[in-house]
Protein backbone atom coordinates (compact mmCIF):
# COMPACT_ATOMS: atom_id res chain seq x y z
CA UNK A 1 0.00 0.00 0.00
CA UNK A 2 1.43 3.35 -1.02
CA UNK A 3 0.01 6.44 0.70
CA UNK A 4 0.63 10.13 0.14
CA UNK A 5 -0.50 12.98 2.37
CA UNK A 6 -0.22 16.77 2.65
CA UNK A 7 0.00 16.90 6.47
CA UNK A 8 0.31 14.28 9.24
CA UNK A 9 -3.33 14.51 10.45
CA UNK A 10 -4.51 11.35 8.63
CA UNK A 11 -1.75 9.38 10.36
CA UNK A 12 -3.37 10.22 13.70
CA UNK A 13 -6.90 9.54 12.43
CA UNK A 14 -5.95 6.16 10.91
CA UNK A 15 -2.90 4.92 12.84
CA UNK A 16 -3.51 1.27 11.97
CA UNK A 17 -3.43 2.11 8.27
CA UNK A 18 -0.05 3.82 8.55
CA UNK A 19 1.68 1.92 11.35
CA UNK A 20 0.55 -1.69 11.45
CA UNK A 21 0.75 -2.36 7.74
CA UNK A 22 4.33 -3.58 7.20
CA UNK A 23 4.10 -3.20 3.43
CA UNK A 24 2.99 0.43 3.64
CA UNK A 25 5.08 3.24 2.16
CA UNK A 26 4.24 6.87 2.81
CA UNK A 27 5.16 10.21 1.34
CA UNK A 28 4.54 13.75 2.58
CA UNK A 29 4.24 16.02 -0.45
CA UNK A 30 2.32 18.87 -2.06
CA UNK A 31 -1.25 18.34 -3.17
CA UNK A 32 -0.22 18.82 -6.79
CA UNK A 33 2.42 16.08 -6.59
CA UNK A 34 0.05 13.72 -4.79
CA UNK A 35 -2.63 14.10 -7.46
CA UNK A 36 -0.03 13.43 -10.16
CA UNK A 37 1.10 10.41 -8.15
CA UNK A 38 -2.38 8.92 -7.86
CA UNK A 39 -2.91 9.37 -11.60
CA UNK A 40 0.48 7.76 -12.37
CA UNK A 41 -0.13 4.82 -9.97
CA UNK A 42 2.63 5.93 -7.61
CA UNK A 43 0.05 5.97 -4.78
CA UNK A 44 -2.92 3.79 -3.90
CA UNK A 45 -4.43 6.41 -1.56
CA UNK A 46 -3.69 10.08 -1.03
CA UNK A 47 -4.98 12.49 1.58
CA UNK A 48 -5.37 16.02 0.19
CA UNK A 49 -7.06 19.22 1.32
CA UNK A 50 -9.51 19.92 -1.51
CA UNK A 51 -12.28 18.04 -3.24
CA UNK A 52 -11.28 16.73 -6.68
CA UNK A 53 -14.00 16.08 -9.25
CA UNK A 54 -12.60 13.55 -11.72
CA UNK A 55 -14.55 10.69 -13.28
CA UNK A 56 -11.60 8.29 -12.84
CA UNK A 57 -11.19 9.04 -9.13
CA UNK A 58 -13.10 8.64 -5.89
CA UNK A 59 -12.78 11.59 -3.53
CA UNK A 60 -14.39 11.59 -0.06
CA UNK A 61 -14.10 14.03 2.82
CA UNK A 62 -12.83 12.14 5.86
CA UNK A 63 -12.05 14.74 8.52
CA UNK A 64 -11.30 18.31 9.53
CA UNK A 65 -8.12 19.00 11.45
CA UNK A 66 -8.03 22.01 13.80
CA UNK A 67 -4.81 23.65 15.00
CA UNK A 68 -4.26 24.51 18.69
CA UNK A 69 -1.41 26.00 20.65
CA UNK A 70 -0.11 23.97 23.56
CA UNK A 71 1.19 26.09 26.42
CA UNK A 72 2.19 25.63 30.05
CA UNK A 73 -0.55 26.49 32.53
CA UNK A 74 1.62 29.40 33.74
CA UNK A 75 1.91 30.99 30.24
CA UNK A 76 0.47 34.49 29.88
CA UNK A 77 -2.06 33.23 27.30
CA UNK A 78 -3.43 30.51 29.60
CA UNK A 79 -6.41 32.68 30.53
CA UNK A 80 -7.61 32.58 26.92
CA UNK A 81 -8.86 28.98 27.15
CA UNK A 82 -11.74 29.61 24.74
CA UNK A 83 -9.35 30.45 21.93
CA UNK A 84 -6.76 32.75 20.44
CA UNK A 85 -6.33 34.39 17.06
CA UNK A 86 -3.18 34.52 14.97
CA UNK A 87 -2.71 38.15 15.99
CA UNK A 88 -2.63 37.08 19.67
CA UNK A 89 0.27 34.68 19.16
CA UNK A 90 2.26 36.30 16.35
CA UNK A 91 5.75 37.09 17.61
CA UNK A 92 5.98 34.07 19.93
CA UNK A 93 8.71 31.46 19.57
CA UNK A 94 7.31 27.96 19.01
CA UNK A 95 8.65 24.44 19.27
CA UNK A 96 7.72 22.80 15.98
CA UNK A 97 7.85 19.34 14.47
CA UNK A 98 9.41 19.87 11.06
CA UNK A 99 7.32 17.42 9.01
CA UNK A 100 3.95 19.18 9.11
CA UNK A 101 3.43 19.58 5.38
CA UNK A 102 0.95 22.23 4.30
CA UNK A 103 0.64 23.57 7.86
CA UNK A 104 4.02 25.29 7.24
CA UNK A 105 2.45 27.61 4.66
CA UNK A 106 -0.41 28.46 7.00
CA UNK A 107 1.94 29.26 9.88
CA UNK A 108 4.27 31.33 7.69
CA UNK A 109 1.32 33.31 6.29
CA UNK A 110 -0.16 34.11 9.69
CA UNK A 111 2.80 34.25 12.06
CA UNK A 112 5.22 36.52 10.22
CA UNK A 113 6.92 37.74 13.42
CA UNK A 114 7.22 34.31 15.03
CA UNK A 115 10.25 32.09 15.24
CA UNK A 116 10.29 28.28 15.12
CA UNK A 117 12.63 25.90 16.87
CA UNK A 118 12.31 22.96 14.47
CA UNK A 119 12.76 19.39 15.54
CA UNK A 120 13.04 16.49 13.13
CA UNK A 121 12.25 13.72 15.63
CA UNK A 122 8.76 13.56 17.13
CA UNK A 123 9.87 11.69 20.27
CA UNK A 124 12.60 14.24 20.94
CA UNK A 125 10.14 17.08 20.41
CA UNK A 126 7.71 15.54 22.90
CA UNK A 127 10.45 15.40 25.53
CA UNK A 128 11.48 18.99 24.87
CA UNK A 129 7.84 20.16 25.06
CA UNK A 130 7.39 18.31 28.38
CA UNK A 131 10.38 20.16 29.85
CA UNK A 132 9.94 23.59 28.29
CA UNK A 133 7.88 26.72 28.75
CA UNK A 134 7.95 27.43 25.00
CA UNK A 135 4.59 27.07 23.20
CA UNK A 136 4.09 24.32 20.63
CA UNK A 137 1.33 23.27 18.27
CA UNK A 138 -1.06 20.36 18.46
CA UNK A 139 -4.22 19.44 16.55
CA UNK A 140 -7.51 17.86 17.47
CA UNK A 141 -6.24 14.74 15.65
CA UNK A 142 -2.88 14.48 17.44
CA UNK A 143 -4.06 15.38 20.97
CA UNK A 144 -4.84 11.83 22.03
CA UNK A 145 -1.28 10.76 21.16
CA UNK A 146 0.61 13.79 22.47
CA UNK A 147 -0.83 14.61 25.89
CA UNK A 148 1.62 16.58 28.00
CA UNK A 149 1.10 17.10 31.74
CA UNK A 150 1.10 20.71 32.88
CA UNK A 151 0.00 22.10 29.52
CA UNK A 152 -3.29 23.31 28.14
CA UNK A 153 -4.37 23.25 24.52
CA UNK A 154 -6.04 26.39 23.24
CA UNK A 155 -7.80 26.46 19.85
CA UNK A 156 -6.76 28.95 17.22
CA UNK A 157 -10.03 30.54 16.11
CA UNK A 158 -9.14 31.94 12.70
CA UNK A 159 -10.75 30.21 9.71
CA UNK A 160 -7.45 28.99 8.26
CA UNK A 161 -6.59 27.08 11.43
CA UNK A 162 -8.84 24.34 10.04
CA UNK A 163 -7.81 21.92 7.29
CA UNK A 164 -10.27 19.61 5.56
CA UNK A 165 -8.90 16.27 4.40
CA UNK A 166 -10.18 14.18 1.54
CA UNK A 167 -9.08 10.67 0.64
CA UNK A 168 -8.49 10.12 -3.05
CA UNK A 169 -8.04 6.90 -5.00
CA UNK A 170 -8.63 5.53 -8.47
CA UNK A 171 -12.04 3.92 -8.95
CA UNK A 172 -10.44 0.59 -9.80
CA UNK A 173 -8.66 0.69 -6.43
CA UNK A 174 -11.77 1.44 -4.36
CA UNK A 175 -11.05 -1.60 -2.14
CA UNK A 176 -8.31 0.47 -0.48
CA UNK A 177 -11.02 2.72 1.00
CA UNK A 178 -12.10 -0.27 3.14
CA UNK A 179 -8.79 0.04 4.99
CA UNK A 180 -10.02 3.33 6.49
CA UNK A 181 -12.51 1.59 8.78
């Protein structure tokens, strides 16, 4: 099974699809490259962020991912539990997992004054977050796997803090959609 995706959210929604299948290969890429890949049989399934209307393909919405900031309970923003806007957090330094795909563009567009301390290993990042006062990001999809004691997760309320995900496959490979259950 070959899977492409634009951001890691589907990995959290369908962990058994990504992790327990020993013959699974994955690729994080742009939506454009993933659509080319599905059409060229490079991928069996791709997770993209827009609906595609193509008679040779099946495209179904599977989830919406919502971005949150994760901060220590002592952080000055901790009183804003109902939510923050980009303008409230622009200028902050954030701990960031590097492989977040299309979320990079959204962060760069909205947090022009912010700085990111990138980490390339998710386990290392979790340990740093657990022992740091620096804010990080989390999503509604990753929360159940990345709970950190002493931190609260606050939703970002702006419209572009939400990403819709669609699964895409060729009609003749529709059986792969059964793996999403």
